[in-house]
Amino acid sequence: MTARTVITGIGVTAPNGLGTETYWKSVLAGHSGIGRVTRFDVSGYPATLAGQIDDFDAAEHLPSRLLPQTDHSTRLGLTAAAWALTDAAVSPGDLADYDMGVVTSNALGGFDFTHREFAKLWGKGPEFVSVYESFAWFYAVNTGQISIRHGMRGPGVALVGEQAGGLDALGYARRGIRRGTPLMLAGGVDSALDPWGYVAQLSDGRVTAETDPARAYLPFDSLASGHVPGEGGAMLVLEDEERARARGAERVHAALTGYSSTFDPAPGSGRPPGLRRAAENALADAGLAPADIDAVFADGAGAPELDAAEADALRAVFGPDGVPVTAPKALTGRLYAGGGPLDVVTAALAIRDGVVPPTPAAGPVPDGYGIDVVRGEPRERRVRHALVLARGRWGFNSAVVVSAAGER
């Protein structure tokens, strides 16, 4: 029998809440973490908003020795990882070091760290550049720093897949558990809200120029004008269910029952995008039919053409208005590698509390979309299985099915 992968620990660092329950309360209350960028002067930029984490002091959460060698995104990742392990009640010595692995996804690297070092190089000279510049900028550094700090010598993987990459990290971790590793710490965190990092995110032209945070990021809305970048994400402890219970795991938040990833065909090929196929394959992997899904946590790009394409995929899988659809990421901004894992956490909490969180709205859902978007207020509903979708730039698509712990 294939090992069943369950979520036993969660750590959240999000613009609208540090910690799982703080974040969840904000989501249900519709509290947004989006506001004007305050870390540098954005008055000359074509966009001015972001999902910033303003109440995070790394020195309160990490040893002082780690601060000189880590970018802001790695500090967020290390903190989320520690919180997830604490939530799972995993202590040093509970498992052998090779029985614990780490998989993280990162789309932006250590932008803030490396650009500060570049400024030293150009303004003062090479002797002023930190020795830690050799690795602190790198996409794989979160996996390395987390594994070193917690003595996790099992499989170590680092992925780069933009928004879809965070779900891929969970899928890779699930694969590691099925191959025999009892516990995997997996997820994604991103941050690039320094001047260079921010302008890099504006390069694709899909960041909104709206200056009102309440009207800035509006997935599946007639007033949608693009997305808002954000920072943060989530780390999850995933375990083989039988081994988790054998070690005395205090609780199981949910199960990761299905996963799939696809890639869009080349533009102009005439073939359809891969998001529908990713959703269908994830359902098949979970052994579920579309009617079994009680909520969809959508990618929700906030760009009209991308939202319309996602709506087409959802109608094709579930039928018109066939399932409640939500995009709570509109309260945080798009977190790149952190977005998918945070949506998985949100889905697990929706399963726990029997409620589908709403999507912020300013105008009506376009008539042609034909999907049931949860808006305004949370919708009370028994959620046994939820589908989480994510799309990355250049054609990445990923889908994960999150199920109640007792559902098979």
Protein backbone atom coordinates (compact mmCIF):
# COMPACT_ATOMS: atom_id res chain seq x y z
CA MET A 1 0.00 0.00 0.00
CA THR A 2 1.32 3.46 -0.96
CA ALA A 3 2.38 5.60 1.98
CA ARG A 4 -0.19 8.29 2.80
CA THR A 5 1.35 11.74 3.23
CA VAL A 6 -0.06 13.95 5.96
CA ILE A 7 0.61 17.49 7.15
CA THR A 8 1.63 17.51 10.81
CA GLY A 9 3.24 20.93 11.11
CA ILE A 10 2.64 24.41 9.67
CA GLY A 11 4.66 27.63 9.80
CA VAL A 12 3.35 30.84 8.20
CA THR A 13 5.02 34.18 7.52
CA ALA A 14 2.56 36.32 5.56
CA PRO A 15 1.98 40.03 4.98
CA ASN A 16 -1.33 39.85 6.86
CA GLY A 17 -0.16 37.66 9.72
CA LEU A 18 2.87 36.06 11.33
CA GLY A 19 1.90 32.62 12.60
CA THR A 20 -0.83 30.29 11.42
CA GLU A 21 -3.76 31.44 13.54
CA THR A 22 -3.00 35.15 13.17
CA TYR A 23 -2.89 34.71 9.41
CA TRP A 24 -6.12 32.68 9.36
CA LYS A 25 -8.03 35.26 11.40
CA SER A 26 -6.90 37.95 8.97
CA VAL A 27 -8.05 35.92 5.99
CA LEU A 28 -11.51 35.29 7.42
CA ALA A 29 -11.84 38.95 8.39
CA GLY A 30 -10.73 40.12 4.96
CA HIS A 31 -7.75 41.93 6.45
CA SER A 32 -5.23 42.79 3.75
CA GLY A 33 -1.47 43.01 4.11
CA ILE A 34 -1.13 45.09 0.94
CA GLY A 35 0.02 48.70 1.17
CA ARG A 36 2.44 51.23 -0.25
CA VAL A 37 6.05 50.06 -0.31
CA THR A 38 7.90 51.71 2.59
CA ARG A 39 11.41 50.21 2.37
CA PHE A 40 12.50 52.67 -0.30
CA ASP A 41 11.08 55.58 -2.27
CA VAL A 42 8.69 54.26 -4.93
CA SER A 43 7.45 57.65 -6.10
CA GLY A 44 9.24 57.24 -9.44
CA TYR A 45 8.05 53.69 -10.08
CA PRO A 46 5.06 52.73 -12.26
CA ALA A 47 3.69 50.66 -9.36
CA THR A 48 3.79 51.47 -5.65
CA LEU A 49 2.11 48.63 -3.74
CA ALA A 50 3.27 45.34 -2.24
CA GLY A 51 2.37 42.78 0.37
CA GLN A 52 5.01 43.68 2.97
CA ILE A 53 5.65 41.92 6.26
CA ASP A 54 6.14 44.90 8.53
CA ASP A 55 6.18 43.27 11.98
CA PHE A 56 9.01 40.75 11.52
CA ASP A 57 12.21 41.24 13.52
CA ALA A 58 14.64 38.48 12.57
CA ALA A 59 16.67 38.99 15.75
CA GLU A 60 13.65 37.87 17.78
CA HIS A 61 13.44 34.55 15.95
CA LEU A 62 16.94 33.53 14.87
CA PRO A 63 20.39 33.14 16.46
CA SER A 64 22.58 36.20 15.99
CA ARG A 65 25.21 34.14 14.13
CA LEU A 66 22.73 33.60 11.26
CA LEU A 67 21.86 37.23 10.70
CA PRO A 68 25.04 38.34 8.86
CA GLN A 69 24.85 35.42 6.45
CA THR A 70 21.17 35.44 5.46
CA ASP A 71 18.91 37.39 3.14
CA HIS A 72 15.53 38.58 4.39
CA SER A 73 13.78 35.77 2.48
CA THR A 74 15.97 33.12 4.12
CA ARG A 75 15.22 34.58 7.55
CA LEU A 76 11.52 34.28 6.83
CA GLY A 77 12.04 30.71 5.63
CA LEU A 78 14.08 29.70 8.66
CA THR A 79 11.45 31.15 10.97
CA ALA A 80 8.57 29.43 9.19
CA ALA A 81 10.49 26.13 9.23
CA ALA A 82 11.13 26.34 12.97
CA TRP A 83 7.48 27.12 13.63
CA ALA A 84 6.40 24.17 11.48
CA LEU A 85 8.66 21.76 13.36
CA THR A 86 7.42 23.09 16.70
CA ASP A 87 3.82 22.70 15.53
CA ALA A 88 4.59 19.11 14.54
CA ALA A 89 6.20 18.52 17.96
CA VAL A 90 9.38 17.28 16.30
CA SER A 91 12.40 17.65 18.57
CA PRO A 92 16.06 16.84 17.95
CA GLY A 93 16.57 13.12 18.40
CA ASP A 94 12.99 12.13 17.62
CA LEU A 95 14.13 10.91 14.21
CA ALA A 96 17.52 10.00 12.81
CA ASP A 97 19.08 12.79 10.78
CA TYR A 98 18.86 10.87 7.48
CA ASP A 99 15.16 10.25 8.13
CA MET A 100 14.40 13.97 7.65
CA GLY A 101 14.71 15.86 4.37
CA VAL A 102 14.10 19.38 3.09
CA VAL A 103 12.55 20.62 -0.15
CA THR A 104 12.14 24.35 -0.75
CA SER A 105 11.20 26.43 -3.74
CA ASN A 106 12.47 29.94 -4.35
CA ALA A 107 11.82 32.13 -7.38
CA LEU A 108 13.67 35.34 -6.60
CA GLY A 109 16.82 34.42 -4.70
CA GLY A 110 18.40 36.68 -2.09
CA PHE A 111 17.78 39.94 -3.96
CA ASP A 112 18.07 42.28 -1.02
CA PHE A 113 21.31 40.75 0.29
CA THR A 114 23.10 40.60 -3.02
CA HIS A 115 22.15 44.11 -4.07
CA ARG A 116 23.47 45.54 -0.82
CA GLU A 117 26.75 43.76 -1.49
CA PHE A 118 26.80 45.06 -5.07
CA ALA A 119 26.45 48.59 -3.69
CA LYS A 120 29.48 47.96 -1.46
CA LEU A 121 31.46 46.60 -4.40
CA TRP A 122 30.75 49.58 -6.62
CA GLY A 123 30.85 52.24 -3.92
CA LYS A 124 33.68 51.08 -1.63
CA GLY A 125 35.58 48.24 -3.23
CA PRO A 126 35.73 44.42 -3.27
CA GLU A 127 37.30 44.18 0.19
CA PHE A 128 34.01 45.43 1.67
CA VAL A 129 31.88 42.68 0.12
CA SER A 130 30.65 40.05 2.58
CA VAL A 131 32.10 36.58 2.26
CA TYR A 132 28.54 35.31 2.60
CA GLU A 133 27.72 36.81 -0.80
CA SER A 134 29.09 33.52 -2.16
CA PHE A 135 25.86 31.75 -1.20
CA ALA A 136 23.33 34.06 0.49
CA TRP A 137 21.85 35.10 -2.88
CA PHE A 138 21.44 31.56 -4.19
CA TYR A 139 18.09 29.88 -4.84
CA ALA A 140 19.14 26.73 -2.98
CA VAL A 141 20.25 28.51 0.18
CA ASN A 142 16.95 28.07 2.04
CA THR A 143 17.15 24.30 1.71
CA GLY A 144 20.75 24.37 2.89
CA GLN A 145 20.27 26.71 5.84
CA ILE A 146 17.16 24.88 7.10
CA SER A 147 18.79 21.45 6.81
CA ILE A 148 21.94 22.62 8.62
CA ARG A 149 20.08 24.36 11.42
CA HIS A 150 17.87 21.37 12.18
CA GLY A 151 20.27 18.52 11.38
CA MET A 152 18.17 17.19 8.50
CA ARG A 153 20.48 15.12 6.29
CA GLY A 154 17.88 13.27 4.25
CA PRO A 155 16.93 14.20 0.67
CA GLY A 156 17.57 17.88 -0.07
CA VAL A 157 16.01 19.56 -3.08
CA ALA A 158 15.73 23.17 -4.29
CA LEU A 159 13.27 24.14 -7.02
CA VAL A 160 12.77 27.23 -9.16
CA GLY A 161 9.29 27.37 -10.68
CA GLU A 162 7.92 30.80 -9.72
CA GLN A 163 4.34 30.61 -8.37
CA ALA A 164 3.94 26.93 -9.27
CA GLY A 165 7.24 25.99 -7.65
CA GLY A 166 5.88 26.04 -4.12
CA LEU A 167 3.37 23.30 -4.96
CA ASP A 168 6.09 21.38 -6.74
CA ALA A 169 8.12 21.44 -3.53
CA LEU A 170 5.27 19.71 -1.73
CA GLY A 171 4.92 17.21 -4.56
CA TYR A 172 8.65 16.39 -4.44
CA ALA A 173 8.45 16.00 -0.66
CA ARG A 174 5.54 13.61 -1.03
CA ARG A 175 7.60 11.61 -3.50
CA GLY A 176 10.45 11.46 -0.99
CA ILE A 177 8.09 10.11 1.67
CA ARG A 178 6.80 7.48 -0.72
CA ARG A 179 10.41 6.42 -1.34
CA GLY A 180 10.97 5.84 2.35
CA THR A 181 11.96 9.10 4.07
CA PRO A 182 9.65 9.37 7.10
CA LEU A 183 9.58 13.19 7.35
CA MET A 184 10.07 16.04 4.89
CA LEU A 185 10.03 19.75 5.61
CA ALA A 186 8.77 21.49 2.48
CA GLY A 187 7.37 24.73 1.13
CA GLY A 188 8.48 28.05 -0.20
CA VAL A 189 9.24 31.62 0.81
CA ASP A 190 10.17 34.60 -1.36
CA SER A 191 11.00 38.26 -0.86
CA ALA A 192 12.42 40.88 -3.23
CA LEU A 193 11.18 44.26 -2.05
CA ASP A 194 14.42 46.18 -2.47
CA PRO A 195 14.71 48.69 -5.37
CA TRP A 196 16.20 46.22 -7.87
CA GLY A 197 14.08 43.33 -6.79
CA TYR A 198 10.90 45.35 -7.01
CA VAL A 199 11.58 46.72 -10.48
CA ALA A 200 12.45 43.20 -11.67
CA GLN A 201 8.94 42.13 -10.67
CA LEU A 202 7.46 44.94 -12.75
CA SER A 203 9.17 43.72 -15.90
CA ASP A 204 6.36 41.48 -17.17
CA GLY A 205 3.83 44.33 -17.17
CA ARG A 206 1.30 42.44 -15.04
CA VAL A 207 1.78 44.34 -11.78
CA THR A 208 -1.10 46.77 -11.28
CA ALA A 209 -0.57 50.52 -11.34
CA GLU A 210 -3.55 50.96 -8.98
CA THR A 211 -2.68 52.98 -5.88
CA ASP A 212 -5.67 52.01 -3.71
CA PRO A 213 -4.81 48.77 -1.88
CA ALA A 214 -8.49 47.79 -1.71
CA ARG A 215 -8.78 47.88 -5.51
CA ALA A 216 -5.32 46.70 -6.48
CA TYR A 217 -5.38 42.90 -6.70
CA LEU A 218 -8.82 41.63 -7.75
CA PRO A 219 -8.84 38.08 -9.16
CA PHE A 220 -11.91 37.18 -11.24
CA ASP A 221 -13.20 40.74 -11.02
CA SER A 222 -14.39 43.02 -13.82
CA LEU A 223 -12.07 45.73 -12.41
CA ALA A 224 -8.97 43.49 -12.35
CA SER A 225 -5.87 45.33 -13.54
CA GLY A 226 -3.03 43.01 -12.57
CA HIS A 227 -1.49 41.65 -9.41
CA VAL A 228 0.49 42.98 -6.45
CA PRO A 229 3.84 41.36 -5.53
CA GLY A 230 4.31 40.20 -1.96
CA GLU A 231 6.72 38.43 0.36
CA GLY A 232 6.54 35.48 2.70
CA GLY A 233 5.05 32.02 2.37
CA ALA A 234 4.74 28.83 4.38
CA MET A 235 6.67 25.73 5.39
CA LEU A 236 4.99 22.42 6.13
CA VAL A 237 6.06 19.24 7.88
CA LEU A 238 4.95 16.28 5.77
CA GLU A 239 5.13 12.73 7.10
CA ASP A 240 4.22 9.19 6.33
CA GLU A 241 0.95 8.84 8.23
CA GLU A 242 1.72 5.54 9.93
CA ARG A 243 5.17 6.65 11.06
CA ALA A 244 3.78 9.99 12.27
CA ARG A 245 1.26 8.25 14.47
CA ALA A 246 3.90 5.79 15.65
CA ARG A 247 6.14 8.62 16.85
CA GLY A 248 3.16 10.14 18.68
CA ALA A 249 2.37 13.10 16.41
CA GLU A 250 0.00 15.32 18.34
CA ARG A 251 -2.26 16.11 15.39
CA VAL A 252 -2.69 15.75 11.67
CA HIS A 253 -3.84 18.94 9.95
CA ALA A 254 -4.75 17.34 6.62
CA ALA A 255 -3.50 14.91 4.00
CA LEU A 256 -1.77 15.64 0.70
CA THR A 257 -3.63 13.18 -1.51
CA GLY A 258 -2.98 14.35 -5.06
CA TYR A 259 -0.34 16.22 -7.05
CA SER A 260 0.41 16.97 -10.68
CA SER A 261 2.46 19.40 -12.73
CA THR A 262 2.26 20.26 -16.43
CA PHE A 263 3.84 22.70 -18.83
CA ASP A 264 2.06 24.89 -21.34
CA PRO A 265 2.75 24.31 -25.04
CA ALA A 266 4.65 26.92 -27.01
CA PRO A 267 2.66 30.04 -27.90
CA GLY A 268 1.06 29.74 -31.31
CA SER A 269 0.99 25.93 -31.22
CA GLY A 270 -2.80 25.86 -31.09
CA ARG A 271 -2.74 23.43 -28.19
CA PRO A 272 -4.56 24.33 -24.96
CA PRO A 273 -2.79 25.49 -21.77
CA GLY A 274 -1.84 22.80 -19.27
CA LEU A 275 -3.74 23.98 -16.20
CA ARG A 276 -6.83 21.86 -16.86
CA ARG A 277 -4.68 18.76 -17.35
CA ALA A 278 -2.80 19.48 -14.11
CA ALA A 279 -6.10 19.69 -12.21
CA GLU A 280 -7.46 16.51 -13.77
CA ASN A 281 -4.25 14.60 -13.16
CA ALA A 282 -4.13 15.69 -9.51
CA LEU A 283 -7.71 14.51 -9.02
CA ALA A 284 -6.87 11.18 -10.64
CA ASP A 285 -3.79 10.86 -8.44
CA ALA A 286 -6.01 11.38 -5.39
CA GLY A 287 -8.57 8.88 -6.67
CA LEU A 288 -11.28 11.54 -6.73
CA ALA A 289 -13.90 12.78 -9.17
CA PRO A 290 -14.60 16.49 -9.75
CA ALA A 291 -17.79 16.17 -7.69
CA ASP A 292 -15.68 15.23 -4.66
CA ILE A 293 -13.96 18.63 -4.56
CA ASP A 294 -15.61 21.06 -2.15
CA ALA A 295 -13.48 24.15 -2.86
CA VAL A 296 -10.86 25.37 -5.31
CA PHE A 297 -8.06 27.68 -4.19
CA ALA A 298 -7.34 29.28 -7.54
CA ASP A 299 -4.16 30.72 -8.95
CA GLY A 300 -6.08 33.98 -9.41
CA ALA A 301 -3.58 35.96 -11.46
CA GLY A 302 -5.65 39.15 -11.43
CA ALA A 303 -4.94 39.78 -15.13
CA PRO A 304 -8.16 39.54 -17.20
CA GLU A 305 -6.74 37.24 -19.89
CA LEU A 306 -5.18 34.88 -17.34
CA ASP A 307 -8.25 34.84 -15.11
CA ALA A 308 -10.43 34.06 -18.14
CA ALA A 309 -8.14 31.15 -19.06
CA GLU A 310 -8.30 29.77 -15.53
CA ALA A 311 -12.09 30.15 -15.50
CA ASP A 312 -12.22 28.17 -18.76
CA ALA A 313 -10.18 25.38 -17.17
CA LEU A 314 -12.38 25.30 -14.06
CA ARG A 315 -15.59 25.14 -16.13
CA ALA A 316 -14.11 22.35 -18.21
CA VAL A 317 -13.30 20.29 -15.10
CA PHE A 318 -16.24 21.11 -12.82
CA GLY A 319 -18.93 22.51 -15.11
CA PRO A 320 -20.47 26.01 -14.88
CA ASP A 321 -20.55 27.21 -11.25
CA GLY A 322 -19.69 23.64 -10.30
CA VAL A 323 -17.56 24.33 -7.21
CA PRO A 324 -16.84 27.30 -4.90
CA VAL A 325 -13.69 29.11 -6.06
CA THR A 326 -11.58 31.45 -3.95
CA ALA A 327 -8.28 33.34 -4.16
CA PRO A 328 -7.36 34.58 -0.67
CA LYS A 329 -3.88 35.42 -1.98
CA ALA A 330 -5.43 38.73 -3.05
CA LEU A 331 -4.98 39.75 0.61
CA THR A 332 -1.23 39.09 0.57
CA GLY A 333 -0.12 39.69 -2.99
CA ARG A 334 1.43 37.01 -5.13
CA LEU A 335 4.19 35.42 -3.06
CA TYR A 336 5.85 33.50 -5.89
CA ALA A 337 7.27 30.28 -4.41
CA GLY A 338 5.51 31.07 -1.14
CA GLY A 339 2.05 31.41 -2.67
CA GLY A 340 1.21 27.75 -3.31
CA PRO A 341 2.26 26.43 0.13
CA LEU A 342 0.35 29.27 1.80
CA ASP A 343 -2.76 28.30 -0.19
CA VAL A 344 -2.30 24.69 0.93
CA VAL A 345 -2.21 25.88 4.54
CA THR A 346 -5.34 27.95 3.91
CA ALA A 347 -7.06 24.91 2.41
CA ALA A 348 -6.14 22.80 5.45
CA LEU A 349 -7.60 25.44 7.75
CA ALA A 350 -10.75 25.62 5.63
CA ILE A 351 -11.10 21.87 6.03
CA ARG A 352 -10.60 22.16 9.79
CA ASP A 353 -13.15 24.92 10.32
CA GLY A 354 -15.71 24.14 7.63
CA VAL A 355 -15.48 27.50 5.88
CA VAL A 356 -14.29 28.77 2.51
CA PRO A 357 -12.56 32.15 2.83
CA PRO A 358 -13.61 34.94 0.46
CA THR A 359 -11.87 36.68 -2.41
CA PRO A 360 -11.68 40.50 -2.20
CA ALA A 361 -13.98 42.16 -4.72
CA ALA A 362 -14.71 45.61 -6.13
CA GLY A 363 -16.78 44.85 -9.22
CA PRO A 364 -18.85 41.92 -10.52
CA VAL A 365 -17.41 38.66 -11.81
CA PRO A 366 -17.39 38.91 -15.63
CA ASP A 367 -20.40 37.10 -17.08
CA GLY A 368 -18.35 34.88 -19.34
CA TYR A 369 -16.35 33.31 -16.52
CA GLY A 370 -19.15 31.02 -15.34
CA ILE A 371 -17.53 30.18 -12.00
CA ASP A 372 -18.82 30.44 -8.43
CA VAL A 373 -16.39 32.87 -6.78
CA VAL A 374 -16.71 33.18 -3.00
CA ARG A 375 -16.78 36.92 -2.33
CA GLY A 376 -17.52 39.35 0.46
CA GLU A 377 -17.95 36.97 3.39
CA PRO A 378 -16.64 33.52 4.27
CA ARG A 379 -18.94 30.75 3.15
CA GLU A 380 -19.74 28.05 5.68
CA ARG A 381 -19.36 24.70 3.98
CA ARG A 382 -18.08 21.27 4.85
CA VAL A 383 -14.77 20.90 3.05
CA ARG A 384 -13.47 17.35 2.72
CA HIS A 385 -11.25 17.83 -0.33
CA ALA A 386 -9.82 21.05 -1.78
CA LEU A 387 -7.93 21.62 -5.01
CA VAL A 388 -5.08 24.15 -4.99
CA LEU A 389 -3.85 25.55 -8.31
CA ALA A 390 -0.78 27.59 -9.22
CA ARG A 391 0.73 28.92 -12.43
CA GLY A 392 4.26 30.19 -12.87
CA ARG A 393 5.73 32.39 -15.57
CA TRP A 394 6.73 30.73 -18.84
CA GLY A 395 4.16 27.95 -18.62
CA PHE A 396 4.50 26.13 -15.29
CA ASN A 397 1.26 24.66 -13.88
CA SER A 398 0.84 22.71 -10.65
CA ALA A 399 -2.09 21.28 -8.72
CA VAL A 400 -2.40 19.73 -5.27
CA VAL A 401 -5.35 18.02 -3.60
CA VAL A 402 -5.65 18.60 0.15
CA SER A 403 -8.00 16.27 2.04
CA ALA A 404 -9.37 15.97 5.53
CA ALA A 405 -7.25 13.69 7.68
CA GLY A 406 -10.00 11.08 7.95
CA GLU A 407 -10.97 11.07 4.26
CA ARG A 408 -9.73 8.40 1.89
